[in-house]
Amino acid sequence: MALRRPVPHGQCRQRWHHAYDPSIHRKLKPREDCGPCVDHMRNGHPPDQIQN
């Protein structure tokens, strides 16, 4: 699914996509964590994911 909103300058593409595309988390069970989201919370944003 295409992004519903464009990624603003300086924002992480993955995090923005996961925040605004509900289909990403639809497959998760109740109270199940999303692996990529947890990784971002623990390790921060990889430099290659920041929108220029």
N, C-alpha and C. Protein backbone atom coordinates (compact mmCIF):
# COMPACT_ATOMS: atom_id res chain seq x y z
N MET A 1 0.83 -1.18 0.00
CA MET A 1 0.00 0.00 0.00
C MET A 1 0.87 1.24 0.00
N ALA A 2 0.50 2.23 -0.74
CA ALA A 2 1.26 3.47 -0.82
C ALA A 2 1.09 4.26 0.48
N LEU A 3 2.08 5.09 0.75
CA LEU A 3 1.99 5.93 1.92
C LEU A 3 0.79 6.85 1.82
N ARG A 4 0.10 7.02 2.90
CA ARG A 4 -1.05 7.92 2.92
C ARG A 4 -0.60 9.36 3.04
N ARG A 5 0.56 9.58 3.62
CA ARG A 5 1.10 10.93 3.77
C ARG A 5 2.56 10.89 3.36
N PRO A 6 3.04 11.94 2.70
CA PRO A 6 4.47 11.94 2.32
C PRO A 6 5.36 12.07 3.56
N VAL A 7 6.54 11.50 3.47
CA VAL A 7 7.49 11.56 4.58
C VAL A 7 8.15 12.93 4.59
N PRO A 8 8.02 13.67 5.70
CA PRO A 8 8.65 14.99 5.78
C PRO A 8 10.17 14.90 5.87
N HIS A 9 10.81 15.94 5.46
CA HIS A 9 12.28 16.05 5.53
C HIS A 9 12.74 15.81 6.97
N GLY A 10 13.75 15.00 7.14
CA GLY A 10 14.33 14.74 8.45
C GLY A 10 13.66 13.63 9.24
N GLN A 11 12.58 13.05 8.72
CA GLN A 11 11.87 11.99 9.42
C GLN A 11 12.31 10.62 8.90
N CYS A 12 12.18 9.61 9.74
CA CYS A 12 12.53 8.24 9.38
C CYS A 12 11.43 7.66 8.49
N ARG A 13 11.81 7.17 7.31
CA ARG A 13 10.83 6.62 6.37
C ARG A 13 10.11 5.41 6.96
N GLN A 14 10.85 4.51 7.61
CA GLN A 14 10.22 3.30 8.15
C GLN A 14 9.22 3.66 9.26
N ARG A 15 9.63 4.50 10.16
CA ARG A 15 8.75 4.85 11.27
C ARG A 15 7.50 5.58 10.77
N TRP A 16 7.68 6.48 9.82
CA TRP A 16 6.56 7.22 9.26
C TRP A 16 5.59 6.26 8.58
N HIS A 17 6.14 5.33 7.81
CA HIS A 17 5.32 4.35 7.09
C HIS A 17 4.54 3.48 8.08
N HIS A 18 5.20 3.04 9.14
CA HIS A 18 4.53 2.20 10.13
C HIS A 18 3.49 2.99 10.92
N ALA A 19 3.68 4.28 11.08
CA ALA A 19 2.72 5.10 11.83
C ALA A 19 1.46 5.42 11.02
N TYR A 20 1.61 5.57 9.71
CA TYR A 20 0.49 6.06 8.90
C TYR A 20 -0.09 5.05 7.91
N ASP A 21 0.42 3.83 7.89
CA ASP A 21 -0.15 2.80 7.02
C ASP A 21 -0.69 1.68 7.90
N PRO A 22 -2.00 1.66 8.16
CA PRO A 22 -2.56 0.67 9.09
C PRO A 22 -2.40 -0.77 8.64
N SER A 23 -2.17 -1.01 7.36
CA SER A 23 -2.03 -2.39 6.88
C SER A 23 -0.76 -3.05 7.42
N ILE A 24 0.22 -2.27 7.82
CA ILE A 24 1.49 -2.80 8.35
C ILE A 24 1.23 -3.63 9.61
N HIS A 25 0.44 -3.11 10.53
CA HIS A 25 0.23 -3.77 11.82
C HIS A 25 -1.04 -4.61 11.87
N ARG A 26 -1.77 -4.65 10.82
CA ARG A 26 -3.04 -5.40 10.81
C ARG A 26 -2.83 -6.89 11.07
N LYS A 27 -1.70 -7.42 10.63
CA LYS A 27 -1.44 -8.86 10.79
C LYS A 27 -1.03 -9.24 12.22
N LEU A 28 -0.72 -8.25 13.06
CA LEU A 28 -0.30 -8.54 14.42
C LEU A 28 -1.48 -8.94 15.29
N LYS A 29 -1.22 -9.83 16.22
CA LYS A 29 -2.24 -10.25 17.17
C LYS A 29 -2.37 -9.17 18.26
N PRO A 30 -3.45 -9.17 19.02
CA PRO A 30 -3.58 -8.20 20.11
C PRO A 30 -2.37 -8.27 21.05
N ARG A 31 -1.86 -7.12 21.37
CA ARG A 31 -0.71 -6.95 22.28
C ARG A 31 0.59 -7.52 21.73
N GLU A 32 0.64 -7.87 20.46
CA GLU A 32 1.87 -8.35 19.82
C GLU A 32 2.65 -7.14 19.31
N ASP A 33 3.95 -7.12 19.58
CA ASP A 33 4.80 -6.01 19.15
C ASP A 33 5.28 -6.21 17.72
N CYS A 34 5.46 -5.12 17.03
CA CYS A 34 6.02 -5.12 15.68
C CYS A 34 7.55 -5.10 15.81
N GLY A 35 8.20 -6.10 15.26
CA GLY A 35 9.66 -6.21 15.36
C GLY A 35 10.41 -4.97 14.89
N PRO A 36 10.13 -4.45 13.68
CA PRO A 36 10.83 -3.26 13.23
C PRO A 36 10.58 -2.03 14.12
N CYS A 37 9.38 -1.89 14.65
CA CYS A 37 9.09 -0.76 15.54
C CYS A 37 9.88 -0.88 16.85
N VAL A 38 9.92 -2.09 17.40
CA VAL A 38 10.67 -2.31 18.64
C VAL A 38 12.16 -2.05 18.39
N ASP A 39 12.68 -2.50 17.27
CA ASP A 39 14.08 -2.27 16.93
C ASP A 39 14.39 -0.77 16.87
N HIS A 40 13.47 0.01 16.28
CA HIS A 40 13.66 1.46 16.22
C HIS A 40 13.62 2.09 17.60
N MET A 41 12.74 1.60 18.48
CA MET A 41 12.67 2.15 19.83
C MET A 41 13.95 1.87 20.60
N ARG A 42 14.52 0.71 20.39
CA ARG A 42 15.73 0.32 21.13
C ARG A 42 17.01 0.89 20.53
N ASN A 43 17.11 0.90 19.21
CA ASN A 43 18.37 1.21 18.55
C ASN A 43 18.38 2.53 17.77
N GLY A 44 17.26 3.20 17.70
CA GLY A 44 17.20 4.46 16.96
C GLY A 44 17.05 4.21 15.47
N HIS A 45 17.19 5.28 14.72
CA HIS A 45 16.98 5.23 13.27
C HIS A 45 18.29 5.01 12.53
N PRO A 46 18.33 4.05 11.61
CA PRO A 46 19.51 3.91 10.77
C PRO A 46 19.63 5.16 9.88
N PRO A 47 20.83 5.67 9.66
CA PRO A 47 21.00 6.87 8.84
C PRO A 47 20.41 6.76 7.45
N ASP A 48 20.38 5.57 6.87
CA ASP A 48 19.86 5.42 5.51
C ASP A 48 18.33 5.49 5.46
N GLN A 49 17.66 5.51 6.62
CA GLN A 49 16.21 5.59 6.65
C GLN A 49 15.68 7.02 6.82
N ILE A 50 16.58 7.99 7.02
CA ILE A 50 16.16 9.38 7.23
C ILE A 50 15.90 10.03 5.87
N GLN A 51 14.70 10.61 5.72
CA GLN A 51 14.31 11.26 4.47
C GLN A 51 15.09 12.57 4.29
N ASN A 52 15.71 12.70 3.14
CA ASN A 52 16.45 13.94 2.83
C ASN A 52 15.61 14.87 2.02
